[in-house]
Amino acid sequence: AVSEEEEAETGQAVSVLMFPWSAQTVRAVW
């Protein structure tokens, strides 16, 4: 998600897609 707060604070709108892998883990792949 991109929020107005993020854009105001960071000056950018960035959406990052990661995958909830397990009960305590998120997976990122390049």
All heavy atoms as atom14 arrays in JSON, in Angstrom:
{
  "sequence": "AVSEEEEAETGQAVSVLMFPWSAQTVRAVW",
  "atom14_mask": [
    [1, 1, 1, 1, 1, 0, 0, 0, 0, 0, 0, 0, 0, 0],
    [1, 1, 1, 1, 1, 1, 1, 0, 0, 0, 0, 0, 0, 0],
    [1, 1, 1, 1, 1, 1, 0, 0, 0, 0, 0, 0, 0, 0],
    [1, 1, 1, 1, 1, 1, 1, 1, 1, 0, 0, 0, 0, 0],
    [1, 1, 1, 1, 1, 1, 1, 1, 1, 0, 0, 0, 0, 0],
    [1, 1, 1, 1, 1, 1, 1, 1, 1, 0, 0, 0, 0, 0],
    [1, 1, 1, 1, 1, 1, 1, 1, 1, 0, 0, 0, 0, 0],
    [1, 1, 1, 1, 1, 0, 0, 0, 0, 0, 0, 0, 0, 0],
    [1, 1, 1, 1, 1, 1, 1, 1, 1, 0, 0, 0, 0, 0],
    [1, 1, 1, 1, 1, 1, 1, 0, 0, 0, 0, 0, 0, 0],
    [1, 1, 1, 1, 0, 0, 0, 0, 0, 0, 0, 0, 0, 0],
    [1, 1, 1, 1, 1, 1, 1, 1, 1, 0, 0, 0, 0, 0],
    [1, 1, 1, 1, 1, 0, 0, 0, 0, 0, 0, 0, 0, 0],
    [1, 1, 1, 1, 1, 1, 1, 0, 0, 0, 0, 0, 0, 0],
    [1, 1, 1, 1, 1, 1, 0, 0, 0, 0, 0, 0, 0, 0],
    [1, 1, 1, 1, 1, 1, 1, 0, 0, 0, 0, 0, 0, 0],
    [1, 1, 1, 1, 1, 1, 1, 1, 0, 0, 0, 0, 0, 0],
    [1, 1, 1, 1, 1, 1, 1, 1, 0, 0, 0, 0, 0, 0],
    [1, 1, 1, 1, 1, 1, 1, 1, 1, 1, 1, 0, 0, 0],
    [1, 1, 1, 1, 1, 1, 1, 0, 0, 0, 0, 0, 0, 0],
    [1, 1, 1, 1, 1, 1, 1, 1, 1, 1, 1, 1, 1, 1],
    [1, 1, 1, 1, 1, 1, 0, 0, 0, 0, 0, 0, 0, 0],
    [1, 1, 1, 1, 1, 0, 0, 0, 0, 0, 0, 0, 0, 0],
    [1, 1, 1, 1, 1, 1, 1, 1, 1, 0, 0, 0, 0, 0],
    [1, 1, 1, 1, 1, 1, 1, 0, 0, 0, 0, 0, 0, 0],
    [1, 1, 1, 1, 1, 1, 1, 0, 0, 0, 0, 0, 0, 0],
    [1, 1, 1, 1, 1, 1, 1, 1, 1, 1, 1, 0, 0, 0],
    [1, 1, 1, 1, 1, 0, 0, 0, 0, 0, 0, 0, 0, 0],
    [1, 1, 1, 1, 1, 1, 1, 0, 0, 0, 0, 0, 0, 0],
    [1, 1, 1, 1, 1, 1, 1, 1, 1, 1, 1, 1, 1, 1]
  ],
  "atom14_positions": [
    [[0.82, -1.21, 0.0], [0.0, 0.0, 0.0], [0.86, 1.26, 0.0], [1.97, 1.28, 0.53], [-0.91, 0.0, 1.22], [0.0, 0.0, 0.0], [0.0, 0.0, 0.0], [0.0, 0.0, 0.0], [0.0, 0.0, 0.0], [0.0, 0.0, 0.0], [0.0, 0.0, 0.0], [0.0, 0.0, 0.0], [0.0, 0.0, 0.0], [0.0, 0.0, 0.0]],
    [[0.31, 2.3, -0.6], [0.96, 3.61, -0.6], [0.02, 4.57, 0.1], [-1.16, 4.66, -0.24], [1.25, 4.09, -2.04], [1.82, 5.5, -2.02], [2.18, 3.12, -2.74], [0.0, 0.0, 0.0], [0.0, 0.0, 0.0], [0.0, 0.0, 0.0], [0.0, 0.0, 0.0], [0.0, 0.0, 0.0], [0.0, 0.0, 0.0], [0.0, 0.0, 0.0]],
    [[0.54, 5.27, 1.09], [-0.31, 6.2, 1.85], [0.12, 7.64, 1.6], [1.26, 7.9, 1.19], [-0.21, 5.9, 3.34], [1.09, 6.18, 3.82], [0.0, 0.0, 0.0], [0.0, 0.0, 0.0], [0.0, 0.0, 0.0], [0.0, 0.0, 0.0], [0.0, 0.0, 0.0], [0.0, 0.0, 0.0], [0.0, 0.0, 0.0], [0.0, 0.0, 0.0]],
    [[-0.79, 8.56, 1.86], [-0.46, 9.98, 1.75], [0.63, 10.33, 2.77], [1.5, 11.15, 2.49], [-1.71, 10.83, 2.0], [-2.72, 10.75, 0.87], [-3.97, 11.56, 1.16], [-3.97, 12.39, 2.1], [-4.96, 11.36, 0.43], [0.0, 0.0, 0.0], [0.0, 0.0, 0.0], [0.0, 0.0, 0.0], [0.0, 0.0, 0.0], [0.0, 0.0, 0.0]],
    [[0.57, 9.69, 3.92], [1.57, 9.92, 4.97], [2.96, 9.54, 4.47], [3.94, 10.27, 4.68], [1.21, 9.13, 6.22], [2.18, 9.32, 7.36], [1.82, 8.48, 8.57], [1.05, 7.5, 8.44], [2.34, 8.8, 9.65], [0.0, 0.0, 0.0], [0.0, 0.0, 0.0], [0.0, 0.0, 0.0], [0.0, 0.0, 0.0], [0.0, 0.0, 0.0]],
    [[3.06, 8.42, 3.78], [4.34, 7.97, 3.23], [4.85, 8.97, 2.21], [6.03, 9.36, 2.24], [4.19, 6.59, 2.57], [5.45, 6.13, 1.87], [5.24, 4.91, 0.99], [4.13, 4.34, 0.98], [6.21, 4.52, 0.32], [0.0, 0.0, 0.0], [0.0, 0.0, 0.0], [0.0, 0.0, 0.0], [0.0, 0.0, 0.0], [0.0, 0.0, 0.0]],
    [[3.98, 9.39, 1.31], [4.39, 10.35, 0.27], [4.84, 11.66, 0.9], [5.84, 12.24, 0.48], [3.25, 10.59, -0.71], [2.99, 9.4, -1.61], [1.96, 9.71, -2.68], [2.31, 10.44, -3.62], [0.84, 9.2, -2.56], [0.0, 0.0, 0.0], [0.0, 0.0, 0.0], [0.0, 0.0, 0.0], [0.0, 0.0, 0.0], [0.0, 0.0, 0.0]],
    [[4.12, 12.12, 1.93], [4.48, 13.38, 2.59], [5.82, 13.25, 3.32], [6.64, 14.17, 3.29], [3.38, 13.78, 3.56], [0.0, 0.0, 0.0], [0.0, 0.0, 0.0], [0.0, 0.0, 0.0], [0.0, 0.0, 0.0], [0.0, 0.0, 0.0], [0.0, 0.0, 0.0], [0.0, 0.0, 0.0], [0.0, 0.0, 0.0], [0.0, 0.0, 0.0]],
    [[6.03, 12.11, 3.98], [7.24, 11.92, 4.78], [8.48, 11.61, 3.94], [9.57, 12.1, 4.22], [7.01, 10.78, 5.77], [7.28, 11.19, 7.19], [7.02, 10.05, 8.15], [7.97, 9.27, 8.39], [5.89, 9.97, 8.66], [0.0, 0.0, 0.0], [0.0, 0.0, 0.0], [0.0, 0.0, 0.0], [0.0, 0.0, 0.0], [0.0, 0.0, 0.0]],
    [[8.31, 10.77, 2.92], [9.46, 10.31, 2.16], [9.59, 10.98, 0.8], [10.63, 10.88, 0.16], [9.39, 8.78, 1.93], [8.27, 8.49, 1.08], [9.27, 8.03, 3.24], [0.0, 0.0, 0.0], [0.0, 0.0, 0.0], [0.0, 0.0, 0.0], [0.0, 0.0, 0.0], [0.0, 0.0, 0.0], [0.0, 0.0, 0.0], [0.0, 0.0, 0.0]],
    [[8.52, 11.62, 0.35], [8.54, 12.26, -0.95], [8.37, 11.28, -2.11], [8.54, 11.65, -3.26], [0.0, 0.0, 0.0], [0.0, 0.0, 0.0], [0.0, 0.0, 0.0], [0.0, 0.0, 0.0], [0.0, 0.0, 0.0], [0.0, 0.0, 0.0], [0.0, 0.0, 0.0], [0.0, 0.0, 0.0], [0.0, 0.0, 0.0], [0.0, 0.0, 0.0]],
    [[8.04, 10.03, -1.78], [7.88, 9.02, -2.82], [6.73, 8.08, -2.5], [6.38, 7.87, -1.34], [9.15, 8.18, -2.96], [10.32, 8.97, -3.45], [11.53, 8.1, -3.67], [11.73, 7.13, -2.98], [12.33, 8.46, -4.65], [0.0, 0.0, 0.0], [0.0, 0.0, 0.0], [0.0, 0.0, 0.0], [0.0, 0.0, 0.0], [0.0, 0.0, 0.0]],
    [[6.17, 7.52, -3.56], [5.13, 6.5, -3.43], [5.75, 5.19, -3.92], [6.03, 5.04, -5.1], [3.92, 6.87, -4.26], [0.0, 0.0, 0.0], [0.0, 0.0, 0.0], [0.0, 0.0, 0.0], [0.0, 0.0, 0.0], [0.0, 0.0, 0.0], [0.0, 0.0, 0.0], [0.0, 0.0, 0.0], [0.0, 0.0, 0.0], [0.0, 0.0, 0.0]],
    [[5.98, 4.27, -3.01], [6.63, 3.01, -3.35], [5.74, 1.85, -2.91], [5.29, 1.81, -1.77], [8.02, 2.9, -2.67], [8.66, 1.56, -2.95], [8.92, 4.04, -3.14], [0.0, 0.0, 0.0], [0.0, 0.0, 0.0], [0.0, 0.0, 0.0], [0.0, 0.0, 0.0], [0.0, 0.0, 0.0], [0.0, 0.0, 0.0], [0.0, 0.0, 0.0]],
    [[5.52, 0.93, -3.82], [4.76, -0.28, -3.52], [5.71, -1.46, -3.66], [6.33, -1.66, -4.71], [3.58, -0.43, -4.49], [2.87, -1.61, -4.2], [0.0, 0.0, 0.0], [0.0, 0.0, 0.0], [0.0, 0.0, 0.0], [0.0, 0.0, 0.0], [0.0, 0.0, 0.0], [0.0, 0.0, 0.0], [0.0, 0.0, 0.0], [0.0, 0.0, 0.0]],
    [[5.83, -2.24, -2.6], [6.74, -3.38, -2.58], [5.92, -4.66, -2.44], [5.1, -4.77, -1.53], [7.75, -3.27, -1.41], [8.64, -4.51, -1.33], [8.59, -2.01, -1.55], [0.0, 0.0, 0.0], [0.0, 0.0, 0.0], [0.0, 0.0, 0.0], [0.0, 0.0, 0.0], [0.0, 0.0, 0.0], [0.0, 0.0, 0.0], [0.0, 0.0, 0.0]],
    [[6.16, -5.59, -3.33], [5.44, -6.86, -3.29], [6.32, -7.93, -2.67], [7.37, -8.27, -3.21], [5.03, -7.29, -4.7], [4.15, -6.3, -5.47], [3.86, -6.82, -6.87], [2.86, -6.05, -4.72], [0.0, 0.0, 0.0], [0.0, 0.0, 0.0], [0.0, 0.0, 0.0], [0.0, 0.0, 0.0], [0.0, 0.0, 0.0], [0.0, 0.0, 0.0]],
    [[5.89, -8.41, -1.51], [6.55, -9.52, -0.85], [5.47, -10.54, -0.51], [4.28, -10.24, -0.58], [7.32, -9.04, 0.39], [8.52, -8.17, 0.0], [9.37, -7.35, 1.36], [9.94, -8.67, 2.35], [0.0, 0.0, 0.0], [0.0, 0.0, 0.0], [0.0, 0.0, 0.0], [0.0, 0.0, 0.0], [0.0, 0.0, 0.0], [0.0, 0.0, 0.0]],
    [[5.88, -11.74, -0.14], [4.93, -12.83, 0.06], [4.98, -13.34, 1.5], [6.06, -13.67, 2.0], [5.28, -13.97, -0.9], [4.32, -15.1, -0.87], [3.07, -14.98, -1.47], [4.65, -16.3, -0.26], [2.17, -16.02, -1.44], [3.76, -17.36, -0.23], [2.52, -17.22, -0.83], [0.0, 0.0, 0.0], [0.0, 0.0, 0.0], [0.0, 0.0, 0.0]],
    [[3.8, -13.4, 2.18], [3.79, -14.0, 3.52], [4.05, -15.5, 3.41], [3.23, -16.24, 2.89], [2.38, -13.7, 4.04], [1.56, -13.33, 2.86], [2.49, -12.95, 1.75], [0.0, 0.0, 0.0], [0.0, 0.0, 0.0], [0.0, 0.0, 0.0], [0.0, 0.0, 0.0], [0.0, 0.0, 0.0], [0.0, 0.0, 0.0], [0.0, 0.0, 0.0]],
    [[5.2, -15.94, 3.85], [5.66, -17.3, 3.62], [5.2, -18.29, 4.69], [4.86, -19.42, 4.4], [7.19, -17.29, 3.51], [7.77, -18.57, 3.04], [8.45, -19.48, 3.81], [7.74, -19.1, 1.72], [8.84, -20.54, 3.02], [8.41, -20.33, 1.73], [7.2, -18.65, 0.51], [8.57, -21.1, 0.6], [7.37, -19.41, -0.61], [8.04, -20.63, -0.56]],
    [[5.23, -17.85, 5.94], [4.82, -18.71, 7.05], [4.25, -17.84, 8.15], [4.07, -16.64, 7.98], [6.0, -19.53, 7.57], [6.91, -18.69, 8.27], [0.0, 0.0, 0.0], [0.0, 0.0, 0.0], [0.0, 0.0, 0.0], [0.0, 0.0, 0.0], [0.0, 0.0, 0.0], [0.0, 0.0, 0.0], [0.0, 0.0, 0.0], [0.0, 0.0, 0.0]],
    [[3.99, -18.43, 9.3], [3.39, -17.7, 10.42], [4.27, -16.56, 10.92], [3.77, -15.62, 11.53], [3.09, -18.66, 11.57], [0.0, 0.0, 0.0], [0.0, 0.0, 0.0], [0.0, 0.0, 0.0], [0.0, 0.0, 0.0], [0.0, 0.0, 0.0], [0.0, 0.0, 0.0], [0.0, 0.0, 0.0], [0.0, 0.0, 0.0], [0.0, 0.0, 0.0]],
    [[5.58, -16.62, 10.66], [6.49, -15.58, 11.14], [7.49, -15.12, 10.07], [8.49, -14.48, 10.4], [7.27, -16.06, 12.37], [6.43, -16.33, 13.59], [5.65, -15.12, 14.1], [4.6, -15.28, 14.68], [6.11, -13.92, 13.9], [0.0, 0.0, 0.0], [0.0, 0.0, 0.0], [0.0, 0.0, 0.0], [0.0, 0.0, 0.0], [0.0, 0.0, 0.0]],
    [[7.21, -15.43, 8.81], [8.21, -15.15, 7.78], [7.58, -14.56, 6.52], [6.5, -14.95, 6.11], [8.95, -16.45, 7.38], [9.4, -17.1, 8.57], [10.14, -16.16, 6.5], [0.0, 0.0, 0.0], [0.0, 0.0, 0.0], [0.0, 0.0, 0.0], [0.0, 0.0, 0.0], [0.0, 0.0, 0.0], [0.0, 0.0, 0.0], [0.0, 0.0, 0.0]],
    [[8.3, -13.6, 5.95], [7.93, -12.99, 4.67], [9.07, -13.3, 3.69], [10.24, -13.25, 4.06], [7.75, -11.46, 4.84], [7.63, -10.77, 3.5], [6.55, -11.17, 5.71], [0.0, 0.0, 0.0], [0.0, 0.0, 0.0], [0.0, 0.0, 0.0], [0.0, 0.0, 0.0], [0.0, 0.0, 0.0], [0.0, 0.0, 0.0], [0.0, 0.0, 0.0]],
    [[8.71, -13.58, 2.44], [9.71, -13.95, 1.44], [9.83, -12.84, 0.39], [8.82, -12.37, -0.15], [9.28, -15.25, 0.77], [10.21, -15.77, -0.28], [9.69, -17.13, -0.75], [10.51, -17.71, -1.77], [10.09, -17.96, -3.0], [8.87, -17.67, -3.36], [10.9, -18.51, -3.87], [0.0, 0.0, 0.0], [0.0, 0.0, 0.0], [0.0, 0.0, 0.0]],
    [[11.06, -12.46, 0.1], [11.35, -11.48, -0.95], [12.27, -12.14, -1.96], [13.22, -12.82, -1.58], [12.02, -10.24, -0.35], [0.0, 0.0, 0.0], [0.0, 0.0, 0.0], [0.0, 0.0, 0.0], [0.0, 0.0, 0.0], [0.0, 0.0, 0.0], [0.0, 0.0, 0.0], [0.0, 0.0, 0.0], [0.0, 0.0, 0.0], [0.0, 0.0, 0.0]],
    [[11.98, -11.95, -3.25], [12.77, -12.58, -4.31], [13.16, -11.52, -5.35], [12.32, -10.73, -5.76], [11.97, -13.71, -5.0], [12.79, -14.36, -6.11], [11.53, -14.75, -3.98], [0.0, 0.0, 0.0], [0.0, 0.0, 0.0], [0.0, 0.0, 0.0], [0.0, 0.0, 0.0], [0.0, 0.0, 0.0], [0.0, 0.0, 0.0], [0.0, 0.0, 0.0]],
    [[14.43, -11.56, -5.76], [14.92, -10.62, -6.78], [14.99, -11.32, -8.13], [15.25, -12.51, -8.22], [16.32, -10.12, -6.41], [16.22, -8.93, -5.53], [16.46, -7.64, -5.87], [15.81, -8.92, -4.17], [16.2, -6.83, -4.8], [15.8, -7.59, -3.74], [15.42, -9.9, -3.26], [15.43, -7.21, -2.45], [15.06, -9.53, -1.99], [15.07, -8.2, -1.6]]
  ]
}
